[in-house]
N, C-alpha and C. Protein backbone atom coordinates (compact mmCIF):
# COMPACT_ATOMS: atom_id res chain seq x y z
N MET A 1 -3.40 9.26 -1.24
CA MET A 1 -2.82 8.78 -1.95
C MET A 1 -1.82 7.33 -1.44
N VAL A 2 -2.00 6.94 -2.57
CA VAL A 2 -1.43 5.39 -2.03
C VAL A 2 -0.30 5.19 -3.57
N LEU A 3 1.15 5.61 -3.03
CA LEU A 3 2.81 5.30 -4.16
C LEU A 3 2.68 3.99 -4.18
N VAL A 4 2.19 3.59 -5.48
CA VAL A 4 2.90 2.26 -5.73
C VAL A 4 4.26 2.18 -6.94
N THR A 5 5.29 1.56 -6.17
CA THR A 5 6.18 1.77 -6.93
C THR A 5 7.35 0.61 -6.79
N THR A 6 8.36 0.39 -7.51
CA THR A 6 9.63 -0.62 -7.66
C THR A 6 10.48 -0.02 -6.83
N LYS A 7 10.83 1.23 -5.99
CA LYS A 7 11.79 2.12 -5.39
C LYS A 7 11.52 1.65 -3.79
N ASP A 8 11.95 0.74 -3.31
CA ASP A 8 12.40 0.43 -2.18
C ASP A 8 13.24 0.79 -1.30
N GLN A 9 13.86 1.64 -1.22
CA GLN A 9 15.09 2.57 -0.29
C GLN A 9 14.43 3.16 0.59
N ASP A 10 14.77 3.39 2.03
CA ASP A 10 13.75 4.31 2.96
C ASP A 10 13.95 5.45 2.46
N THR A 11 15.43 6.49 2.08
CA THR A 11 15.20 7.75 1.22
C THR A 11 13.84 8.07 0.13
N ASP A 12 13.22 6.76 -0.68
CA ASP A 12 12.52 7.06 -1.33
C ASP A 12 10.94 7.18 -0.85
N ARG A 13 11.15 5.86 0.53
CA ARG A 13 9.71 6.17 1.25
C ARG A 13 10.09 7.12 1.93
N MET A 14 10.24 7.78 2.40
CA MET A 14 10.35 9.07 3.44
C MET A 14 10.32 10.43 2.07
N TRP A 15 10.95 10.13 1.01
CA TRP A 15 10.41 11.29 0.04
C TRP A 15 8.91 11.07 -0.20
N GLY A 16 8.79 9.77 -0.45
CA GLY A 16 6.97 9.58 -0.73
C GLY A 16 6.13 10.50 0.07
N MET A 17 6.25 10.17 1.38
CA MET A 17 5.72 9.97 2.74
C MET A 17 5.80 11.79 2.61
N ARG A 18 6.84 12.62 2.30
CA ARG A 18 6.87 13.74 2.26
C ARG A 18 6.36 14.59 1.47
N GLN A 19 5.60 14.05 0.13
CA GLN A 19 5.11 14.34 -1.29
C GLN A 19 3.21 14.10 -0.55
N GLY A 20 2.82 13.45 0.47
CA GLY A 20 1.56 13.38 0.95
C GLY A 20 0.98 11.96 1.02
N ALA A 21 2.15 11.01 0.32
CA ALA A 21 1.26 9.81 0.53
C ALA A 21 0.93 9.19 1.69
N ARG A 22 -0.02 8.46 1.73
CA ARG A 22 -0.70 7.94 3.46
C ARG A 22 -0.09 6.60 3.30
N ALA A 23 0.44 5.93 2.53
CA ALA A 23 0.76 4.69 1.95
C ALA A 23 2.27 4.47 0.90
N TYR A 24 2.80 3.46 1.01
CA TYR A 24 3.49 3.07 0.05
C TYR A 24 3.92 1.74 -0.12
N LEU A 25 3.60 1.47 -1.08
CA LEU A 25 3.34 -0.08 -1.40
C LEU A 25 4.68 -0.66 -2.72
N THR A 26 5.22 -1.47 -2.33
CA THR A 26 6.56 -1.62 -3.61
C THR A 26 6.36 -2.88 -4.09
N LYS A 27 6.36 -2.86 -6.18
CA LYS A 27 6.05 -3.86 -6.59
C LYS A 27 7.28 -5.22 -6.46
N PRO A 28 7.04 -6.34 -6.05
CA PRO A 28 5.91 -6.74 -6.68
C PRO A 28 4.64 -6.97 -5.08
N PHE A 29 3.49 -6.69 -4.89
CA PHE A 29 2.93 -6.67 -3.75
C PHE A 29 1.66 -7.57 -4.07
N SER A 30 0.99 -8.10 -2.73
CA SER A 30 -0.16 -9.46 -3.23
C SER A 30 -1.44 -8.29 -3.28
N GLU A 31 -2.44 -8.95 -3.67
CA GLU A 31 -3.51 -8.49 -3.35
C GLU A 31 -4.20 -8.51 -1.96
N THR A 32 -3.63 -9.33 -1.06
CA THR A 32 -4.43 -9.12 -0.01
C THR A 32 -3.53 -7.78 0.34
N GLU A 33 -2.37 -7.64 0.49
CA GLU A 33 -1.28 -6.48 1.14
C GLU A 33 -1.89 -5.37 0.32
N LEU A 34 -2.48 -5.03 -0.71
CA LEU A 34 -3.33 -4.11 -1.02
C LEU A 34 -4.38 -3.58 -0.47
N SER A 35 -5.03 -4.67 -0.36
CA SER A 35 -6.45 -4.60 0.36
C SER A 35 -6.76 -4.01 1.60
N GLU A 36 -5.41 -4.78 2.43
CA GLU A 36 -5.16 -4.62 3.62
C GLU A 36 -4.94 -2.65 4.15
N VAL A 37 -4.22 -2.09 2.80
CA VAL A 37 -3.73 -0.66 2.50
C VAL A 37 -5.28 -0.23 2.80
N ILE A 38 -5.67 -0.43 2.01
CA ILE A 38 -6.82 0.51 1.07
C ILE A 38 -8.10 0.07 2.20
N GLY A 39 -8.05 -0.63 3.32
CA GLY A 39 -8.92 -0.85 4.54
C GLY A 39 -8.86 -0.20 5.33
N ARG A 40 -7.47 0.06 5.94
CA ARG A 40 -7.08 0.90 6.48
C ARG A 40 -6.93 2.30 6.41
N LEU A 41 -6.78 2.52 5.16
CA LEU A 41 -7.41 4.12 5.14
C LEU A 41 -8.62 4.45 4.49
N LEU A 42 -9.33 3.36 4.53
CA LEU A 42 -10.99 3.56 4.73
C LEU A 42 -11.42 3.23 5.93
N GLY A 43 -10.55 3.23 6.92
CA GLY A 43 -11.41 2.94 8.18
C GLY A 43 -11.62 1.11 8.47
N GLY A 44 -11.27 0.33 7.61
CA GLY A 44 -11.83 -1.24 7.54
C GLY A 44 -12.84 -0.93 6.23
N ALA A 45 -13.50 -0.38 5.59
CA ALA A 45 -14.43 -0.93 4.96
C ALA A 45 -14.42 -1.70 3.96
N VAL A 46 -12.90 -1.90 3.84
CA VAL A 46 -12.87 -3.55 2.89
C VAL A 46 -12.43 -4.40 3.13
N GLU A 47 -12.78 -5.60 2.79
CA GLU A 47 -12.72 -6.79 2.93
C GLU A 47 -11.38 -7.25 1.99
N ALA A 48 -10.79 -8.57 2.47
CA ALA A 48 -9.45 -9.02 1.88
C ALA A 48 -10.89 -9.49 0.70
N PRO A 49 -9.83 -10.19 -0.28
CA PRO A 49 -10.12 -10.92 -1.07
C PRO A 49 -9.88 -12.48 -0.83
N PRO A 50 -11.01 -13.17 -1.50
CA PRO A 50 -10.53 -14.76 -0.48
C PRO A 50 -9.10 -14.87 -1.45
N SER A 51 -9.13 -16.44 -0.45
CA SER A 51 -7.88 -16.53 -0.78
C SER A 51 -7.80 -17.85 -2.11
N GLU A 52 -7.13 -17.95 -2.98
CA GLU A 52 -6.99 -18.67 -3.96
C GLU A 52 -6.22 -20.30 -3.61
N ALA A 53 -7.19 -21.22 -3.52
CA ALA A 53 -6.85 -22.45 -3.22
C ALA A 53 -6.15 -23.10 -4.60
């Protein structure tokens, strides 16, 4: 489970991880950050999106 939230306190992160989250992202986040988290959780199977120029 990946938690996506606006809450960015250490206590919020600890609560989320105790609930079973394997990753915790706070809004706003970039596509690259999301891809990296998903890739890490899937063992590197997801490529980062192409950068926008």
